[in-house]
Amino acid sequence: MSRGVLPGLASPHPLGELLPAVFQEDEFTMRFTAGLDEVLAPILSTVDNLASYLDPLLAPADFLDWLASWAGVSLEARLPEQRRRHALRTAIELYRWRGTVYGIREHLVALTGHPVRVTDNGGVSGSTTPGTPAPGEPTPWLLIELPTSAADLRDLVDTVVAAVKPAHLPHRVEVVEDDCLP
């Protein structure tokens, strides 16, 4: 990412106009402040548009990875720019759902643009008799079902799921027929 001097970018607040009249009459002072205006114009433009730089839908394309690093999101470079923008915006909202079935599913839908099914065997179980094993399967698991139309994104989905699921939970990504998913 590089932001530099933009030739011809006018300063919204030229320094020479802010000087007292006696200095505005001096040609050297006006040329000197015009040089400073050329250097300061991109900085002032960036500060004036800061809200746009921080909005994933408006930020310059080369700014997206930097914004993603703030949010702890890894954006896949091979995805189209609009998909990356949407995934970043959605990821910020989904932080409160991180690690839940809903959060994982919505994160994957935002990233891939395809419907996915996320299933786990989670829940709470207990036994009414002390010292006996709890009912159900004792080992937790997470299953991600991806449509065949998104099979090329399987590695990406696997990486993303590993990042957003609870660390102790083993997961598996499977590709299923498109019509098997909601």
Foldseek 3Di string as FASTA:
>chain_A
DDDAQDPPQFAPDQPLVVDPPVQVVDPVSNVVSVVVRRRCRSVVVCVVCVVQCQQLVRRPLVSLCVNCVVLVHDADPPDDSVLSSQLSVVSNVLPVVFQHQVSLQSSVCSNQVAHKHKDKPDDDFDDPDPPDDTDDDPAIEMEIEAEPVRVVCQVVSVVVCCVRHPVRYYYDYYYDHRVVGD
